[in-house]
PDB file of N, CA and C in Angstrom:
ATOM      1  N   MET A   1      42.741  10.199   0.536  1.00  0.00           N
ATOM      2  CA  MET A   1      43.309  11.053   1.551  1.00  0.00           C
ATOM      3  C   MET A   1      44.129  11.207   1.981  1.00  0.00           C
ATOM      4  N   GLN A   2      44.248  12.828   1.862  1.00  0.00           N
ATOM      5  CA  GLN A   2      45.219  13.346   2.108  1.00  0.00           C
ATOM      6  C   GLN A   2      46.280  13.131   3.304  1.00  0.00           C
ATOM      7  N   LYS A   3      47.762  12.980   2.754  1.00  0.00           N
ATOM      8  CA  LYS A   3      48.289  13.038   4.425  1.00  0.00           C
ATOM      9  C   LYS A   3      49.565  13.986   4.504  1.00  0.00           C
ATOM     10  N   TYR A   4      49.469  13.972   5.927  1.00  0.00           N
ATOM     11  CA  TYR A   4      50.248  15.417   6.236  1.00  0.00           C
ATOM     12  C   TYR A   4      51.569  14.609   7.249  1.00  0.00           C
ATOM     13  N   TYR A   5      52.798  15.745   6.803  1.00  0.00           N
ATOM     14  CA  TYR A   5      53.765  15.734   7.716  1.00  0.00           C
ATOM     15  C   TYR A   5      54.082  17.188   8.613  1.00  0.00           C
ATOM     16  N   ILE A   6      54.245  16.911   9.972  1.00  0.00           N
ATOM     17  CA  ILE A   6      54.471  17.580  10.659  1.00  0.00           C
ATOM     18  C   ILE A   6      55.967  18.284  11.158  1.00  0.00           C
ATOM     19  N   CYS A   7      56.672  19.030  11.784  1.00  0.00           N
ATOM     20  CA  CYS A   7      57.892  19.007  12.096  1.00  0.00           C
ATOM     21  C   CYS A   7      57.795  19.749  13.601  1.00  0.00           C
ATOM     22  N   THR A   8      58.164  19.058  14.315  1.00  0.00           N
ATOM     23  CA  THR A   8      58.340  20.069  15.571  1.00  0.00           C
ATOM     24  C   THR A   8      59.554  20.012  16.386  1.00  0.00           C
ATOM     25  N   THR A   9      59.918  20.932  16.935  1.00  0.00           N
ATOM     26  CA  THR A   9      61.431  21.318  16.926  1.00  0.00           C
ATOM     27  C   THR A   9      62.655  20.446  16.290  1.00  0.00           C
ATOM     28  N   ALA A  10      62.378  20.535  15.224  1.00  0.00           N
ATOM     29  CA  ALA A  10      63.564  19.950  13.889  1.00  0.00           C
ATOM     30  C   ALA A  10      63.485  18.823  13.748  1.00  0.00           C
ATOM     31  N   VAL A  11      62.491  18.298  14.324  1.00  0.00           N
ATOM     32  CA  VAL A  11      62.213  16.547  13.796  1.00  0.00           C
ATOM     33  C   VAL A  11      60.789  16.516  13.024  1.00  0.00           C
ATOM     34  N   ALA A  12      61.034  16.049  12.173  1.00  0.00           N
ATOM     35  CA  ALA A  12      59.785  15.973  11.237  1.00  0.00           C
ATOM     36  C   ALA A  12      59.133  14.001  11.760  1.00  0.00           C
ATOM     37  N   LYS A  13      58.025  14.166  10.943  1.00  0.00           N
ATOM     38  CA  LYS A  13      57.076  13.259  11.607  1.00  0.00           C
ATOM     39  C   LYS A  13      55.820  13.110  10.598  1.00  0.00           C
ATOM     40  N   GLY A  14      55.687  11.574  10.423  1.00  0.00           N
ATOM     41  CA  GLY A  14      54.707  11.644   9.569  1.00  0.00           C
ATOM     42  C   GLY A  14      54.946  10.386   8.526  1.00  0.00           C
ATOM     43  N   PRO A  15      53.936  10.260   7.745  1.00  0.00           N
ATOM     44  CA  PRO A  15      52.604  10.647   7.548  1.00  0.00           C
ATOM     45  C   PRO A  15      51.588  10.523   8.558  1.00  0.00           C
ATOM     46  N   PHE A  16      50.700  11.605   8.912  1.00  0.00           N
ATOM     47  CA  PHE A  16      48.979  11.369   9.406  1.00  0.00           C
ATOM     48  C   PHE A  16      48.017  12.209   8.579  1.00  0.00           C
ATOM     49  N   LEU A  17      47.053  11.285   9.216  1.00  0.00           N
ATOM     50  CA  LEU A  17      45.894  11.754   8.361  1.00  0.00           C
ATOM     51  C   LEU A  17      45.276  12.873   9.127  1.00  0.00           C
ATOM     52  N   LEU A  18      44.194  13.770   8.655  1.00  0.00           N
ATOM     53  CA  LEU A  18      44.095  14.749   9.729  1.00  0.00           C
ATOM     54  C   LEU A  18      43.464  14.342  11.004  1.00  0.00           C
ATOM     55  N   GLU A  19      42.799  13.054  10.913  1.00  0.00           N
ATOM     56  CA  GLU A  19      42.115  12.806  12.521  1.00  0.00           C
ATOM     57  C   GLU A  19      43.428  12.710  13.253  1.00  0.00           C
ATOM     58  N   ASP A  20      44.298  12.341  13.103  1.00  0.00           N
ATOM     59  CA  ASP A  20      45.458  11.618  13.708  1.00  0.00           C
ATOM     60  C   ASP A  20      46.142  13.116  14.236  1.00  0.00           C
ATOM     61  N   LEU A  21      46.101  14.113  13.493  1.00  0.00           N
ATOM     62  CA  LEU A  21      46.598  15.486  13.742  1.00  0.00           C
ATOM     63  C   LEU A  21      45.531  16.251  15.380  1.00  0.00           C
ATOM     64  N   TYR A  22      44.807  15.454  14.915  1.00  0.00           N
ATOM     65  CA  TYR A  22      43.804  16.231  15.815  1.00  0.00           C
ATOM     66  C   TYR A  22      44.230  15.707  17.578  1.00  0.00           C
ATOM     67  N   LYS A  23      44.360  14.542  17.447  1.00  0.00           N
ATOM     68  CA  LYS A  23      44.916  13.614  18.409  1.00  0.00           C
ATOM     69  C   LYS A  23      45.757  13.992  19.264  1.00  0.00           C
ATOM     70  N   ILE A  24      47.011  14.061  18.231  1.00  0.00           N
ATOM     71  CA  ILE A  24      48.501  14.663  18.726  1.00  0.00           C
ATOM     72  C   ILE A  24      48.460  15.852  19.119  1.00  0.00           C
ATOM     73  N   GLU A  25      49.485  16.199  19.926  1.00  0.00           N
ATOM     74  CA  GLU A  25      49.631  17.713  20.303  1.00  0.00           C
ATOM     75  C   GLU A  25      50.358  18.478  19.113  1.00  0.00           C
ATOM     76  N   VAL A  26      49.467  19.123  18.737  1.00  0.00           N
ATOM     77  CA  VAL A  26      50.173  20.029  17.429  1.00  0.00           C
ATOM     78  C   VAL A  26      49.819  21.514  17.926  1.00  0.00           C
ATOM     79  N   GLY A  27      51.230  22.031  18.160  1.00  0.00           N
ATOM     80  CA  GLY A  27      51.241  23.215  18.535  1.00  0.00           C
ATOM     81  C   GLY A  27      51.056  24.300  17.537  1.00  0.00           C
ATOM     82  N   GLU A  28      50.448  25.576  17.831  1.00  0.00           N
ATOM     83  CA  GLU A  28      49.962  26.272  16.422  1.00  0.00           C
ATOM     84  C   GLU A  28      51.176  27.013  15.807  1.00  0.00           C
ATOM     85  N   GLN A  29      52.419  26.872  16.238  1.00  0.00           N
ATOM     86  CA  GLN A  29      53.640  27.255  15.335  1.00  0.00           C
ATOM     87  C   GLN A  29      54.423  25.855  14.992  1.00  0.00           C
ATOM     88  N   ASP A  30      53.703  25.219  14.336  1.00  0.00           N
ATOM     89  CA  ASP A  30      54.647  23.751  14.125  1.00  0.00           C
ATOM     90  C   ASP A  30      54.258  23.776  12.555  1.00  0.00           C
ATOM     91  N   LEU A  31      55.132  23.240  12.404  1.00  0.00           N
ATOM     92  CA  LEU A  31      55.076  23.673  10.612  1.00  0.00           C
ATOM     93  C   LEU A  31      54.595  21.789  10.200  1.00  0.00           C
ATOM     94  N   ILE A  32      53.588  22.348   9.187  1.00  0.00           N
ATOM     95  CA  ILE A  32      52.720  20.870   8.739  1.00  0.00           C
ATOM     96  C   ILE A  32      53.207  21.069   6.936  1.00  0.00           C
ATOM     97  N   TRP A  33      53.103  20.193   6.405  1.00  0.00           N
ATOM     98  CA  TRP A  33      53.308  20.385   4.726  1.00  0.00           C
ATOM     99  C   TRP A  33      52.647  18.441   4.693  1.00  0.00           C
ATOM    100  N   ALA A  34      51.598  19.081   3.667  1.00  0.00           N
ATOM    101  CA  ALA A  34      50.730  18.084   2.425  1.00  0.00           C
ATOM    102  C   ALA A  34      51.464  18.040   1.129  1.00  0.00           C
ATOM    103  N   SER A  35      51.270  16.602   1.021  1.00  0.00           N
ATOM    104  CA  SER A  35      52.028  16.770  -0.557  1.00  0.00           C
ATOM    105  C   SER A  35      51.375  17.637  -1.589  1.00  0.00           C
ATOM    106  N   LYS A  36      50.844  18.191  -1.687  1.00  0.00           N
ATOM    107  CA  LYS A  36      49.851  19.149  -2.761  1.00  0.00           C
ATOM    108  C   LYS A  36      50.262  20.395  -2.433  1.00  0.00           C
ATOM    109  N   TRP A  37      50.867  20.620  -1.055  1.00  0.00           N
ATOM    110  CA  TRP A  37      51.389  22.090  -1.081  1.00  0.00           C
ATOM    111  C   TRP A  37      52.656  22.565  -1.839  1.00  0.00           C
ATOM    112  N   ARG A  38      52.734  23.780  -1.874  1.00  0.00           N
ATOM    113  CA  ARG A  38      54.480  23.912  -2.321  1.00  0.00           C
ATOM    114  C   ARG A  38      55.404  23.803  -1.224  1.00  0.00           C
ATOM    115  N   SER A  39      54.774  24.740  -0.374  1.00  0.00           N
ATOM    116  CA  SER A  39      55.294  24.833   0.898  1.00  0.00           C
ATOM    117  C   SER A  39      55.157  24.100   2.670  1.00  0.00           C
ATOM    118  N   ALA A  40      55.852  24.360   3.512  1.00  0.00           N
ATOM    119  CA  ALA A  40      55.155  23.958   4.766  1.00  0.00           C
ATOM    120  C   ALA A  40      54.399  25.293   4.771  1.00  0.00           C
ATOM    121  N   ARG A  41      53.330  24.762   6.015  1.00  0.00           N
ATOM    122  CA  ARG A  41      52.675  26.021   6.570  1.00  0.00           C
ATOM    123  C   ARG A  41      52.821  25.802   7.958  1.00  0.00           C
ATOM    124  N   TYR A  42      52.424  26.711   8.829  1.00  0.00           N
ATOM    125  CA  TYR A  42      52.081  26.930  10.566  1.00  0.00           C
ATOM    126  C   TYR A  42      51.075  26.134  10.403  1.00  0.00           C
ATOM    127  N   ALA A  43      50.869  25.345  11.349  1.00  0.00           N
ATOM    128  CA  ALA A  43      49.716  24.533  11.890  1.00  0.00           C
ATOM    129  C   ALA A  43      48.299  25.503  12.203  1.00  0.00           C
ATOM    130  N   ASN A  44      48.598  26.661  12.660  1.00  0.00           N
ATOM    131  CA  ASN A  44      47.334  27.913  12.871  1.00  0.00           C
ATOM    132  C   ASN A  44      46.860  28.474  11.126  1.00  0.00           C
ATOM    133  N   GLU A  45      47.147  28.201  10.817  1.00  0.00           N
ATOM    134  CA  GLU A  45      47.466  28.689   8.969  1.00  0.00           C
ATOM    135  C   GLU A  45      46.825  27.728   8.066  1.00  0.00           C
ATOM    136  N   VAL A  46      46.577  26.564   8.596  1.00  0.00           N
ATOM    137  CA  VAL A  46      45.808  25.338   7.883  1.00  0.00           C
ATOM    138  C   VAL A  46      44.508  25.296   8.217  1.00  0.00           C
ATOM    139  N   ALA A  47      43.537  25.503   6.891  1.00  0.00           N
ATOM    140  CA  ALA A  47      42.044  25.669   7.465  1.00  0.00           C
ATOM    141  C   ALA A  47      41.405  24.230   8.336  1.00  0.00           C
ATOM    142  N   GLU A  48      42.375  23.115   7.611  1.00  0.00           N
ATOM    143  CA  GLU A  48      41.417  22.040   8.339  1.00  0.00           C
ATOM    144  C   GLU A  48      41.906  21.523   9.752  1.00  0.00           C
ATOM    145  N   LEU A  49      42.724  22.857  10.602  1.00  0.00           N
ATOM    146  CA  LEU A  49      43.138  22.939  11.779  1.00  0.00           C
ATOM    147  C   LEU A  49      42.463  23.576  12.270  1.00  0.00           C
ATOM    148  N   LYS A  50      41.955  24.951  11.920  1.00  0.00           N
ATOM    149  CA  LYS A  50      41.726  26.228  12.769  1.00  0.00           C
ATOM    150  C   LYS A  50      40.420  25.786  13.337  1.00  0.00           C
ATOM    151  N   LYS A  51      39.902  24.614  13.405  1.00  0.00           N
ATOM    152  CA  LYS A  51      38.842  24.620  14.024  1.00  0.00           C
ATOM    153  C   LYS A  51      39.059  24.001  15.524  1.00  0.00           C
ATOM    154  N   HIS A  52      39.912  22.931  15.359  1.00  0.00           N
ATOM    155  CA  HIS A  52      40.501  22.625  16.236  1.00  0.00           C
ATOM    156  C   HIS A  52      41.267  23.606  17.161  1.00  0.00           C
ATOM    157  N   PHE A  53      42.107  24.488  16.335  1.00  0.00           N
ATOM    158  CA  PHE A  53      42.755  25.440  17.420  1.00  0.00           C
ATOM    159  C   PHE A  53      41.515  26.219  18.706  1.00  0.00           C
ATOM    160  N   ARG A  54      40.852  26.415  18.011  1.00  0.00           N
ATOM    161  CA  ARG A  54      39.146  27.348  18.130  1.00  0.00           C
ATOM    162  C   ARG A  54      38.945  26.469  19.452  1.00  0.00           C
ATOM    163  N   GLU A  55      38.853  25.152  19.287  1.00  0.00           N
ATOM    164  CA  GLU A  55      38.033  24.526  20.567  1.00  0.00           C
ATOM    165  C   GLU A  55      38.458  24.518  21.452  1.00  0.00           C
ATOM    166  N   LYS A  56      40.123  24.102  21.096  1.00  0.00           N
ATOM    167  CA  LYS A  56      41.100  23.882  21.878  1.00  0.00           C
ATOM    168  C   LYS A  56      41.733  24.977  22.895  1.00  0.00           C
ATOM    169  N   TRP A  57      41.590  26.392  22.435  1.00  0.00           N
ATOM    170  CA  TRP A  57      41.633  27.793  22.794  1.00  0.00           C
ATOM    171  C   TRP A  57      40.647  27.348  24.154  1.00  0.00           C
ATOM    172  N   ALA A  58      39.205  27.215  23.415  1.00  0.00           N
ATOM    173  CA  ALA A  58      38.168  27.704  24.496  1.00  0.00           C
ATOM    174  C   ALA A  58      38.037  27.246  25.226  1.00  0.00           C
ATOM    175  N   MET A  59      38.287  25.292  25.062  1.00  0.00           N
ATOM    176  CA  MET A  59      38.526  24.801  26.618  1.00  0.00           C
ATOM    177  C   MET A  59      39.280  25.075  27.781  1.00  0.00           C
ATOM    178  N   GLN A  60      40.614  25.838  27.176  1.00  0.00           N
ATOM    179  CA  GLN A  60      41.931  26.444  27.958  1.00  0.00           C
ATOM    180  C   GLN A  60      41.340  26.980  28.907  1.00  0.00           C
ATOM    181  N   HIS A  61      41.146  28.291  27.562  1.00  0.00           N
ATOM    182  CA  HIS A  61      40.945  29.627  28.443  1.00  0.00           C
ATOM    183  C   HIS A  61      39.608  29.942  28.832  1.00  0.00           C
ATOM    184  N   GLY A  62      38.248  29.438  28.461  1.00  0.00           N
ATOM    185  CA  GLY A  62      36.843  30.076  28.652  1.00  0.00           C
ATOM    186  C   GLY A  62      35.720  29.345  28.472  1.00  0.00           C
ATOM    187  N   GLY A  63      36.084  27.819  28.371  1.00  0.00           N
ATOM    188  CA  GLY A  63      34.898  27.068  28.708  1.00  0.00           C
ATOM    189  C   GLY A  63      34.249  27.812  29.912  1.00  0.00           C
ATOM    190  N   LYS A  64      34.100  27.639  30.785  1.00  0.00           N
ATOM    191  CA  LYS A  64      33.389  28.089  31.664  1.00  0.00           C
ATOM    192  C   LYS A  64      32.706  29.578  31.651  1.00  0.00           C
ATOM    193  N   ARG A  65      33.694  30.666  30.692  1.00  0.00           N
ATOM    194  CA  ARG A  65      32.910  31.194  30.253  1.00  0.00           C
ATOM    195  C   ARG A  65      31.822  31.596  29.340  1.00  0.00           C
ATOM    196  N   TRP A  66      31.846  30.451  28.430  1.00  0.00           N
ATOM    197  CA  TRP A  66      31.183  30.071  27.010  1.00  0.00           C
ATOM    198  C   TRP A  66      29.785  29.622  27.563  1.00  0.00           C
ATOM    199  N   SER A  67      30.084  29.102  28.534  1.00  0.00           N
ATOM    200  CA  SER A  67      28.675  28.478  29.013  1.00  0.00           C
ATOM    201  C   SER A  67      27.741  29.183  29.664  1.00  0.00           C
ATOM    202  N   LEU A  68      28.777  30.377  30.431  1.00  0.00           N
ATOM    203  CA  LEU A  68      27.553  31.098  31.122  1.00  0.00           C
ATOM    204  C   LEU A  68      27.120  32.163  30.226  1.00  0.00           C
ATOM    205  N   LEU A  69      27.576  32.283  29.250  1.00  0.00           N
ATOM    206  CA  LEU A  69      27.127  33.175  28.252  1.00  0.00           C
ATOM    207  C   LEU A  69      25.976  33.089  27.618  1.00  0.00           C
ATOM    208  N   VAL A  70      26.185  31.403  26.961  1.00  0.00           N
ATOM    209  CA  VAL A  70      24.957  30.632  27.060  1.00  0.00           C
ATOM    210  C   VAL A  70      23.846  30.326  27.827  1.00  0.00           C
ATOM    211  N   LYS A  71      23.486  30.447  29.230  1.00  0.00           N
ATOM    212  CA  LYS A  71      23.183  30.462  29.904  1.00  0.00           C
ATOM    213  C   LYS A  71      22.321  31.777  30.157  1.00  0.00           C
ATOM    214  N   TRP A  72      22.984  33.041  29.988  1.00  0.00           N
ATOM    215  CA  TRP A  72      22.775  33.910  30.197  1.00  0.00           C
ATOM    216  C   TRP A  72      21.626  34.527  28.710  1.00  0.00           C
ATOM    217  N   LYS A  73      22.315  34.208  27.440  1.00  0.00           N
ATOM    218  CA  LYS A  73      21.222  33.939  26.398  1.00  0.00           C
ATOM    219  C   LYS A  73      20.437  33.148  26.489  1.00  0.00           C
ATOM    220  N   LYS A  74      20.191  32.276  26.935  1.00  0.00           N
ATOM    221  CA  LYS A  74      18.878  31.298  26.985  1.00  0.00           C
ATOM    222  C   LYS A  74      17.793  31.881  28.089  1.00  0.00           C
ATOM    223  N   LEU A  75      18.242  32.569  28.974  1.00  0.00           N
ATOM    224  CA  LEU A  75      17.363  33.290  30.256  1.00  0.00           C
ATOM    225  C   LEU A  75      17.149  34.390  29.578  1.00  0.00           C
ATOM    226  N   LEU A  76      17.526  35.259  28.659  1.00  0.00           N
ATOM    227  CA  LEU A  76      17.374  37.073  28.066  1.00  0.00           C
ATOM    228  C   LEU A  76      16.003  36.317  26.831  1.00  0.00           C
ATOM    229  N   PHE A  77      16.312  35.461  26.244  1.00  0.00           N
ATOM    230  CA  PHE A  77      15.759  34.399  25.514  1.00  0.00           C
ATOM    231  C   PHE A  77      13.907  33.804  26.373  1.00  0.00           C
ATOM    232  N   SER A  78      14.117  33.998  27.312  1.00  0.00           N
ATOM    233  CA  SER A  78      13.229  33.210  27.806  1.00  0.00           C
ATOM    234  C   SER A  78      12.581  34.265  28.500  1.00  0.00           C
ATOM    235  N   ALA A  79      12.890  35.376  28.691  1.00  0.00           N
ATOM    236  CA  ALA A  79      12.319  36.617  29.359  1.00  0.00           C
ATOM    237  C   ALA A  79      11.775  37.586  28.101  1.00  0.00           C
ATOM    238  N   GLY A  80      12.328  37.708  26.894  1.00  0.00           N
ATOM    239  CA  GLY A  80      11.564  38.255  25.856  1.00  0.00           C
ATOM    240  C   GLY A  80      10.357  37.223  25.476  1.00  0.00           C
ATOM    241  N   VAL A  81      10.682  35.757  25.220  1.00  0.00           N
ATOM    242  CA  VAL A  81       9.156  34.987  24.757  1.00  0.00           C
ATOM    243  C   VAL A  81       8.211  35.777  25.953  1.00  0.00           C
ATOM    244  N   SER A  82       8.650  35.590  27.144  1.00  0.00           N
ATOM    245  CA  SER A  82       7.483  35.674  28.104  1.00  0.00           C
ATOM    246  C   SER A  82       6.814  37.288  27.791  1.00  0.00           C
ATOM    247  N   VAL A  83       7.619  37.941  27.904  1.00  0.00           N
ATOM    248  CA  VAL A  83       7.156  39.370  27.731  1.00  0.00           C
ATOM    249  C   VAL A  83       6.252  39.771  26.445  1.00  0.00           C
ATOM    250  N   LEU A  84       6.390  39.185  25.100  1.00  0.00           N
ATOM    251  CA  LEU A  84       5.784  38.962  23.877  1.00  0.00           C
ATOM    252  C   LEU A  84       4.177  38.164  24.337  1.00  0.00           C
ATOM    253  N   ILE A  85       4.474  37.138  24.892  1.00  0.00           N
ATOM    254  CA  ILE A  85       3.326  36.245  25.316  1.00  0.00           C
ATOM    255  C   ILE A  85       2.002  37.623  26.439  1.00  0.00           C
ATOM    256  N   VAL A  86       2.551  37.882  26.602  1.00  0.00           N
ATOM    257  CA  VAL A  86       1.951  38.988  28.124  1.00  0.00           C
ATOM    258  C   VAL A  86       1.580  40.045  27.021  1.00  0.00           C
ATOM    259  N   LEU A  87       2.074  40.410  26.035  1.00  0.00           N
ATOM    260  CA  LEU A  87       1.665  41.663  25.380  1.00  0.00           C
ATOM    261  C   LEU A  87       0.592  40.809  24.175  1.00  0.00           C
ATOM    262  N   ILE A  88       0.847  39.696  24.268  1.00  0.00           N
ATOM    263  CA  ILE A  88      -0.481  39.395  22.664  1.00  0.00           C
ATOM    264  C   ILE A  88      -1.431  38.910  23.816  1.00  0.00           C
ATOM    265  N   LEU A  89      -1.440  38.326  25.071  1.00  0.00           N
ATOM    266  CA  LEU A  89      -2.824  38.544  25.761  1.00  0.00           C
ATOM    267  C   LEU A  89      -3.234  39.574  26.725  1.00  0.00           C
ATOM    268  N   TYR A  90      -2.333  40.747  26.446  1.00  0.00           N
ATOM    269  CA  TYR A  90      -2.470  41.967  26.843  1.00  0.00           C
ATOM    270  C   TYR A  90      -3.922  42.662  26.235  1.00  0.00           C
ATOM    271  N   TYR A  91      -3.413  42.660  24.573  1.00  0.00           N
ATOM    272  CA  TYR A  91      -4.033  43.028  23.688  1.00  0.00           C
ATOM    273  C   TYR A  91      -5.035  42.446  22.918  1.00  0.00           C
ATOM    274  N   ALA A  92      -4.851  41.240  22.762  1.00  0.00           N
ATOM    275  CA  ALA A  92      -5.792  40.285  22.241  1.00  0.00           C
ATOM    276  C   ALA A  92      -7.173  39.730  22.968  1.00  0.00           C
ATOM    277  N   TRP A  93      -7.011  40.162  24.098  1.00  0.00           N
ATOM    278  CA  TRP A  93      -8.079  40.011  25.603  1.00  0.00           C
ATOM    279  C   TRP A  93      -9.134  40.689  25.222  1.00  0.00           C
ATOM    280  N   PRO A  94     -10.424  40.081  24.857  1.00  0.00           N
ATOM    281  CA  PRO A  94     -11.423  40.813  24.930  1.00  0.00           C
ATOM    282  C   PRO A  94     -12.240  41.644  26.120  1.00  0.00           C
ATOM    283  N   ASP A  95     -12.121  42.929  26.252  1.00  0.00           N
ATOM    284  CA  ASP A  95     -12.536  44.140  27.560  1.00  0.00           C
ATOM    285  C   ASP A  95     -13.760  43.086  27.914  1.00  0.00           C
TER     286      ASP A  95
END
């Protein structure tokens, strides 16, 4: 298992597993270091943490907006399916 170290406000902490980094408050500008890396990286540059930051941002800034968008997509899909069914019935119905 890969172990990570984090440096926040000039205090180094670790080692952590990836799951532990999800649980603690990791800021995007905190430095993360893993033993297989040559140098430390900012947390928002670590591929394993990018999904975590996207989810965190969505919950803080747009959770309601995203749910509204999903509802609109479902509504438009339903309307499209309904129109398609009406067209099929119109053209397939015998005179």
